[in-house]
């Protein structure tokens, strides 16, 4: 299977399957002499880790990361960084009934059509389990970006139920199991998701990621647009079916006057009156917060019988048992943050290579 890598100068390759002995990633292109230990990576994996609440899969994985290479005496060496996370709590027997059947809405069918073989145990590479590798890589990317860049994500919609943006509180994200910035919405979501789990069903979600402190100038025109790479990275997350930058599709309903982010100088500093563009113009960062949202479909593994076919082409009914997220979008929040971090780290290194560090620090004057 090809196409398991992304990025250019900061390049990430992930490996492993949901029910294999381990999963991991190799990060190539990380600059040398950046302080890095397993303790810098583990907190991000802990946020994504399954089994932490009644609203995620009950698979119990410690997700302890191990650095295998690329770090010496607490600093990166400039050589490939290999990270490994062991799989501890696989229950492959739960998937015996679908070994010959295709789950509607799942990648079972397309993997079979493309490769003629698939790992039915938990979905193999198509499982959300693979995203732990991306979160680990994102933790390294954050070290490359430094403390000046802040990347935060939040769940802004569960099924059809959206938050009230007037109640947005970043501090609230860490206080509830949904990564929700609206305390009231989080409380209302609890009984909804409890009932969804009891019914053996699932819900989709919308996640918003905001990166602040992004240096102006990151990105490039035409074929290396920063927003295009962000969209590609987010779209590549398992179960994602839509991505928008800034106002996204809502911008189509605005007039030219309303959509324009007006600018002026204030005490020698460039100011913006709004951020409909989401921090990117012409594929290049403006220096404003980068804002991206992505939609995650409902988990395909559900108890309700659905019509499908098997490998022999016979019509069958499929009902999936096992431990599944009633809303996989919840744990997609730290994954979205990680993918944005990886893209920004890649573009930072590319920008420095083309324009130099001095140009990256320049501002209008």
Protein backbone atom coordinates (compact mmCIF):
# COMPACT_ATOMS: atom_id res chain seq x y z
CA UNK A 1 0.00 0.00 0.00
CA UNK A 2 1.51 3.33 -1.06
CA UNK A 3 0.65 6.89 -0.05
CA UNK A 4 1.27 6.65 3.68
CA UNK A 5 3.34 9.86 3.88
CA UNK A 6 2.53 13.56 3.85
CA UNK A 7 4.52 16.78 4.02
CA UNK A 8 7.59 17.99 2.12
CA UNK A 9 10.42 19.20 4.37
CA UNK A 10 8.64 18.05 7.54
CA UNK A 11 7.53 14.65 6.29
CA UNK A 12 5.47 12.11 8.23
CA UNK A 13 5.01 8.44 7.38
CA UNK A 14 2.61 6.38 9.51
CA UNK A 15 2.50 2.60 9.80
CA UNK A 16 0.57 -0.16 11.54
CA UNK A 17 -2.98 -1.48 11.84
CA UNK A 18 -5.72 -1.25 14.43
CA UNK A 19 -5.23 -4.82 15.68
CA UNK A 20 -1.56 -5.31 14.89
CA UNK A 21 1.11 -5.43 17.61
CA UNK A 22 1.88 -1.70 17.34
CA UNK A 23 1.37 1.48 15.35
CA UNK A 24 3.77 4.36 14.81
CA UNK A 25 5.29 6.97 12.57
CA UNK A 26 8.58 8.15 11.14
CA UNK A 27 9.22 11.90 10.99
CA UNK A 28 11.85 13.01 8.51
CA UNK A 29 13.12 16.55 8.15
CA UNK A 30 12.84 17.69 11.76
CA UNK A 31 15.63 20.21 12.40
CA UNK A 32 18.39 19.23 14.86
CA UNK A 33 18.90 20.47 18.42
CA UNK A 34 15.21 20.85 19.24
CA UNK A 35 14.50 19.67 22.80
CA UNK A 36 12.26 16.60 22.64
CA UNK A 37 11.38 13.81 25.05
CA UNK A 38 8.54 11.32 25.30
CA UNK A 39 7.01 13.58 27.97
CA UNK A 40 6.58 16.28 25.29
CA UNK A 41 4.49 13.90 23.17
CA UNK A 42 2.50 11.92 25.73
CA UNK A 43 0.02 14.65 26.84
CA UNK A 44 -1.35 14.96 23.30
CA UNK A 45 -1.78 11.20 22.98
CA UNK A 46 -3.54 11.19 26.34
CA UNK A 47 -6.13 13.66 25.00
CA UNK A 48 -6.90 11.36 22.05
CA UNK A 49 -6.68 8.11 24.02
CA UNK A 50 -9.81 5.87 23.92
CA UNK A 51 -11.80 4.70 26.94
CA UNK A 52 -11.66 7.95 28.91
CA UNK A 53 -15.42 8.56 29.06
CA UNK A 54 -18.76 6.91 28.32
CA UNK A 55 -18.87 8.84 25.06
CA UNK A 56 -15.95 7.16 23.28
CA UNK A 57 -14.96 3.59 22.48
CA UNK A 58 -14.29 1.52 25.61
CA UNK A 59 -11.14 -0.02 24.13
CA UNK A 60 -8.50 0.43 26.84
CA UNK A 61 -5.21 1.54 25.33
CA UNK A 62 -2.52 3.29 27.41
CA UNK A 63 -1.07 4.77 24.20
CA UNK A 64 2.40 5.08 25.72
CA UNK A 65 4.78 6.51 23.13
CA UNK A 66 8.35 5.32 22.73
CA UNK A 67 11.02 7.23 20.83
CA UNK A 68 13.11 4.74 18.87
CA UNK A 69 15.45 7.05 16.95
CA UNK A 70 16.31 10.62 16.02
CA UNK A 71 16.75 11.93 19.57
CA UNK A 72 19.97 11.93 21.60
CA UNK A 73 20.34 13.30 25.13
CA UNK A 74 16.97 15.04 24.92
CA UNK A 75 17.53 16.79 21.59
CA UNK A 76 16.63 15.98 18.00
CA UNK A 77 19.62 15.01 15.87
CA UNK A 78 18.25 15.92 12.45
CA UNK A 79 17.88 12.25 11.52
CA UNK A 80 14.53 10.41 11.15
CA UNK A 81 12.50 10.29 14.36
CA UNK A 82 10.72 6.95 14.83
CA UNK A 83 7.84 6.78 17.31
CA UNK A 84 6.00 3.64 18.41
CA UNK A 85 2.76 3.03 20.32
CA UNK A 86 1.89 -0.56 21.25
CA UNK A 87 -1.62 -1.99 20.79
CA UNK A 88 -2.61 -3.63 24.06
CA UNK A 89 -6.39 -4.20 24.08
CA UNK A 90 -7.35 -5.74 20.72
CA UNK A 91 -10.46 -7.96 20.52
CA UNK A 92 -10.28 -9.23 16.95
CA UNK A 93 -13.00 -11.82 17.57
CA UNK A 94 -15.56 -9.00 17.61
CA UNK A 95 -15.04 -8.60 13.87
CA UNK A 96 -15.43 -12.25 12.83
CA UNK A 97 -18.96 -11.68 11.51
CA UNK A 98 -17.83 -9.01 9.03
CA UNK A 99 -14.77 -10.82 7.70
CA UNK A 100 -16.73 -11.66 4.54
CA UNK A 101 -19.19 -8.75 4.65
CA UNK A 102 -18.89 -5.05 3.90
CA UNK A 103 -20.15 -2.46 6.37
CA UNK A 104 -22.22 0.23 4.62
CA UNK A 105 -20.50 3.62 4.88
CA UNK A 106 -17.14 2.00 5.69
CA UNK A 107 -13.94 1.57 3.68
CA UNK A 108 -14.33 -2.23 3.79
CA UNK A 109 -15.67 -2.29 0.24
CA UNK A 110 -13.17 0.07 -1.37
CA UNK A 111 -10.14 -1.60 0.24
CA UNK A 112 -11.36 -4.92 -1.14
CA UNK A 113 -11.98 -3.47 -4.60
CA UNK A 114 -8.56 -1.81 -4.73
CA UNK A 115 -6.27 -4.39 -3.13
CA UNK A 116 -8.24 -7.64 -3.24
CA UNK A 117 -7.47 -8.13 0.45
CA UNK A 118 -8.29 -6.27 3.66
CA UNK A 119 -7.66 -6.51 7.37
CA UNK A 120 -11.18 -6.75 8.80
CA UNK A 121 -9.94 -6.61 12.41
CA UNK A 122 -11.05 -3.18 13.53
CA UNK A 123 -10.70 -1.82 10.02
CA UNK A 124 -6.92 -2.18 9.76
CA UNK A 125 -5.42 1.03 8.35
CA UNK A 126 -8.85 2.64 7.89
CA UNK A 127 -9.46 2.56 11.64
CA UNK A 128 -9.38 5.74 13.72
CA UNK A 129 -6.67 3.92 15.68
CA UNK A 130 -4.19 5.09 13.02
CA UNK A 131 -4.74 8.71 14.04
CA UNK A 132 -2.68 8.21 17.21
CA UNK A 133 0.36 8.26 14.92
CA UNK A 134 -0.64 11.67 13.57
CA UNK A 135 -1.15 13.06 17.06
CA UNK A 136 2.36 11.91 18.02
CA UNK A 137 3.80 13.57 14.90
CA UNK A 138 1.82 16.72 15.66
CA UNK A 139 3.45 16.93 19.08
CA UNK A 140 6.87 17.02 17.39
CA UNK A 141 5.59 19.61 14.91
CA UNK A 142 4.56 21.85 17.80
CA UNK A 143 8.15 21.75 19.06
CA UNK A 144 9.34 22.88 15.63
CA UNK A 145 6.81 25.75 15.60
CA UNK A 146 7.75 26.91 19.09
CA UNK A 147 5.64 28.57 21.76
CA UNK A 148 4.76 31.57 19.60
CA UNK A 149 2.23 29.46 17.68
CA UNK A 150 -0.85 28.24 19.57
CA UNK A 151 -3.10 25.57 18.04
CA UNK A 152 -6.43 24.77 19.67
CA UNK A 153 -9.41 22.71 18.57
CA UNK A 154 -13.02 22.39 19.72
CA UNK A 155 -16.13 20.40 18.89
CA UNK A 156 -18.66 22.94 17.65
CA UNK A 157 -21.47 20.65 16.49
CA UNK A 158 -22.68 17.18 17.53
CA UNK A 159 -25.05 15.72 14.97
CA UNK A 160 -27.49 18.57 14.20
CA UNK A 161 -26.82 20.29 17.55
CA UNK A 162 -24.48 23.29 17.25
CA UNK A 163 -22.94 25.41 19.99
CA UNK A 164 -23.87 29.01 20.75
CA UNK A 165 -20.79 30.96 19.64
CA UNK A 166 -21.74 33.74 22.02
CA UNK A 167 -20.87 31.38 24.87
CA UNK A 168 -17.46 30.32 23.45
CA UNK A 169 -14.96 29.72 26.26
CA UNK A 170 -11.63 28.07 25.41
CA UNK A 171 -11.10 27.13 29.06
CA UNK A 172 -14.30 25.08 28.95
CA UNK A 173 -12.83 22.74 26.32
CA UNK A 174 -10.74 20.95 28.95
CA UNK A 175 -13.63 20.68 31.41
CA UNK A 176 -15.95 18.35 29.50
CA UNK A 177 -15.51 15.06 27.60
CA UNK A 178 -16.55 16.61 24.28
CA UNK A 179 -13.81 19.26 23.88
CA UNK A 180 -16.76 21.67 23.67
CA UNK A 181 -16.25 25.45 24.25
CA UNK A 182 -19.91 25.95 25.23
CA UNK A 183 -20.74 24.67 28.72
CA UNK A 184 -24.49 24.57 28.13
CA UNK A 185 -24.16 22.75 24.83
CA UNK A 186 -21.88 20.14 26.41
CA UNK A 187 -24.46 19.48 29.13
CA UNK A 188 -27.22 19.11 26.53
CA UNK A 189 -25.12 16.71 24.45
CA UNK A 190 -24.62 14.19 27.26
CA UNK A 191 -28.13 12.62 27.26
CA UNK A 192 -28.21 12.74 23.46
CA UNK A 193 -25.04 10.70 23.12
CA UNK A 194 -26.01 8.34 25.95
CA UNK A 195 -29.19 7.47 24.08
CA UNK A 196 -27.28 7.17 20.81
CA UNK A 197 -24.90 4.64 22.37
CA UNK A 198 -27.75 2.66 23.95
CA UNK A 199 -29.41 2.44 20.55
CA UNK A 200 -26.19 1.13 19.01
CA UNK A 201 -26.13 4.07 16.62
CA UNK A 202 -23.75 6.99 16.02
CA UNK A 203 -23.60 10.72 15.27
CA UNK A 204 -21.37 12.97 13.20
CA UNK A 205 -19.67 16.16 14.31
CA UNK A 206 -17.99 19.39 13.23
CA UNK A 207 -14.61 20.38 14.67
CA UNK A 208 -13.00 23.81 14.50
CA UNK A 209 -9.24 24.33 14.74
CA UNK A 210 -7.73 27.77 15.36
CA UNK A 211 -4.00 28.46 15.02
CA UNK A 212 -2.79 31.79 16.43
CA UNK A 213 0.64 33.33 16.05
CA UNK A 214 1.07 31.90 12.54
CA UNK A 215 3.81 33.98 10.83
CA UNK A 216 2.62 36.03 7.88
CA UNK A 217 4.01 34.72 4.62
CA UNK A 218 3.69 30.99 5.21
CA UNK A 219 2.31 29.23 2.16
CA UNK A 220 2.79 29.92 -1.54
CA UNK A 221 0.70 30.84 -4.59
CA UNK A 222 -1.10 28.37 -6.83
CA UNK A 223 0.21 24.84 -6.10
CA UNK A 224 1.44 25.14 -2.51
CA UNK A 225 -1.32 27.19 -0.93
CA UNK A 226 -1.34 27.01 2.85
CA UNK A 227 -5.12 26.64 2.98
CA UNK A 228 -5.05 23.92 0.32
CA UNK A 229 -2.51 21.92 2.31
CA UNK A 230 -4.52 22.42 5.50
CA UNK A 231 -7.66 21.24 3.71
CA UNK A 232 -5.83 18.20 2.32
CA UNK A 233 -4.43 17.30 5.74
CA UNK A 234 -7.80 17.56 7.46
CA UNK A 235 -9.61 15.76 4.66
CA UNK A 236 -7.12 12.91 5.06
CA UNK A 237 -8.30 12.20 8.61
CA UNK A 238 -10.42 9.04 8.84
CA UNK A 239 -14.18 9.70 8.46
CA UNK A 240 -13.81 13.35 7.40
CA UNK A 241 -16.18 14.35 4.59
CA UNK A 242 -15.84 18.13 4.41
CA UNK A 243 -13.41 20.98 5.16
CA UNK A 244 -13.74 24.76 5.08
CA UNK A 245 -11.34 27.63 5.77
CA UNK A 246 -12.56 30.83 7.40
CA UNK A 247 -16.21 31.44 6.55
CA UNK A 248 -16.00 28.63 4.00
CA UNK A 249 -19.29 27.87 2.31
CA UNK A 250 -21.01 30.68 4.24
CA UNK A 251 -18.88 33.18 2.28
CA UNK A 252 -20.94 32.36 -0.82
CA UNK A 253 -23.93 34.08 0.80
CA UNK A 254 -22.02 37.31 1.57
CA UNK A 255 -21.69 40.40 -0.58
CA UNK A 256 -18.27 41.62 -1.66
CA UNK A 257 -18.55 44.41 0.91
CA UNK A 258 -19.38 42.04 3.75
CA UNK A 259 -16.72 39.49 2.82
CA UNK A 260 -13.85 41.99 2.53
CA UNK A 261 -11.55 41.96 5.56
CA UNK A 262 -10.82 45.70 5.82
CA UNK A 263 -7.30 46.78 6.82
CA UNK A 264 -5.73 49.85 8.39
CA UNK A 265 -2.57 50.90 10.19
CA UNK A 266 -2.68 51.55 13.91
CA UNK A 267 0.41 52.76 15.78
CA UNK A 268 2.55 51.36 12.98
CA UNK A 269 0.86 47.96 13.07
CA UNK A 270 -1.38 46.40 10.43
CA UNK A 271 -4.91 45.76 11.72
CA UNK A 272 -7.84 43.78 10.27
CA UNK A 273 -11.51 44.51 10.88
CA UNK A 274 -12.59 40.89 10.40
CA UNK A 275 -11.27 37.46 9.43
CA UNK A 276 -13.67 36.00 6.86
CA UNK A 277 -10.65 34.62 4.98
CA UNK A 278 -9.59 32.49 7.94
CA UNK A 279 -6.05 33.88 8.02
CA UNK A 280 -5.09 33.00 4.43
CA UNK A 281 -5.19 35.12 1.24
CA UNK A 282 -3.91 33.85 -2.08
CA UNK A 283 -2.66 30.72 -0.33
CA UNK A 284 -0.39 32.77 1.96
CA UNK A 285 -0.85 33.44 5.69
CA UNK A 286 -1.88 36.98 6.63
CA UNK A 287 -0.73 36.74 10.24
CA UNK A 288 -4.32 36.57 11.48
CA UNK A 289 -5.60 33.45 13.26
CA UNK A 290 -5.87 30.51 10.87
CA UNK A 291 -9.38 29.07 11.17
CA UNK A 292 -10.41 25.70 9.72
CA UNK A 293 -13.43 23.46 10.27
CA UNK A 294 -13.99 19.87 9.26
CA UNK A 295 -17.02 17.57 9.28
CA UNK A 296 -16.79 13.99 10.53
CA UNK A 297 -19.42 11.46 9.45
CA UNK A 298 -21.16 9.12 11.94
CA UNK A 299 -19.22 5.98 12.87
CA UNK A 300 -20.02 3.28 10.29
CA UNK A 301 -19.98 0.40 12.81
CA UNK A 302 -23.53 0.33 14.22
CA UNK A 303 -25.85 -2.32 15.68
CA UNK A 304 -28.84 -1.53 13.47
CA UNK A 305 -28.97 -4.08 10.60
CA UNK A 306 -28.21 -2.51 7.21
CA UNK A 307 -28.47 -4.00 3.73
CA UNK A 308 -25.14 -4.85 2.11
CA UNK A 309 -23.28 -7.53 0.15
CA UNK A 310 -20.56 -10.04 0.94
CA UNK A 311 -17.35 -10.96 -0.88
CA UNK A 312 -19.24 -13.47 -2.99
CA UNK A 313 -21.63 -10.80 -4.22
CA UNK A 314 -24.57 -12.09 -2.18
CA UNK A 315 -26.98 -9.68 -0.52
CA UNK A 316 -26.73 -9.78 3.28
CA UNK A 317 -27.57 -7.79 6.40
CA UNK A 318 -24.75 -6.30 8.45
CA UNK A 319 -24.84 -5.46 12.16
CA UNK A 320 -21.51 -4.61 13.79
CA UNK A 321 -20.74 -5.53 17.38
CA UNK A 322 -17.68 -4.52 19.35
CA UNK A 323 -16.38 -1.34 20.97
CA UNK A 324 -16.95 1.73 18.84
CA UNK A 325 -17.18 5.50 19.24
CA UNK A 326 -20.80 6.68 19.19
CA UNK A 327 -19.26 9.90 17.83
CA UNK A 328 -15.74 9.48 16.46
CA UNK A 329 -15.64 13.26 15.99
CA UNK A 330 -14.95 13.75 19.70
CA UNK A 331 -11.49 12.19 19.54
CA UNK A 332 -10.91 13.87 16.17
CA UNK A 333 -10.32 17.20 17.95
CA UNK A 334 -6.68 16.52 18.95
CA UNK A 335 -6.17 14.82 15.57
CA UNK A 336 -7.23 17.98 13.73
CA UNK A 337 -4.90 20.04 15.88
CA UNK A 338 -2.04 17.67 15.07
CA UNK A 339 -2.60 17.80 11.31
CA UNK A 340 -2.66 21.60 11.34
CA UNK A 341 0.57 21.58 13.39
CA UNK A 342 2.28 19.27 10.89
CA UNK A 343 1.28 21.43 7.92
CA UNK A 344 2.39 24.63 9.63
CA UNK A 345 5.75 23.12 10.62
CA UNK A 346 6.27 21.96 7.04
CA UNK A 347 5.42 25.39 5.63
CA UNK A 348 7.59 27.16 8.19
CA UNK A 349 10.62 25.15 7.08
CA UNK A 350 9.75 25.65 3.41
CA UNK A 351 9.35 29.40 3.92
CA UNK A 352 12.68 29.69 5.68
CA UNK A 353 14.33 27.70 2.91
CA UNK A 354 12.98 30.01 0.19
CA UNK A 355 12.83 33.41 1.88
CA UNK A 356 15.12 33.11 4.91
CA UNK A 357 14.42 33.66 8.58
CA UNK A 358 14.75 37.44 8.34
CA UNK A 359 11.95 37.77 5.79
CA UNK A 360 9.72 35.64 7.99
CA UNK A 361 10.03 38.24 10.75
CA UNK A 362 9.33 41.30 8.55
CA UNK A 363 6.12 43.32 8.87
CA UNK A 364 4.56 46.25 7.04
CA UNK A 365 5.92 49.60 8.11
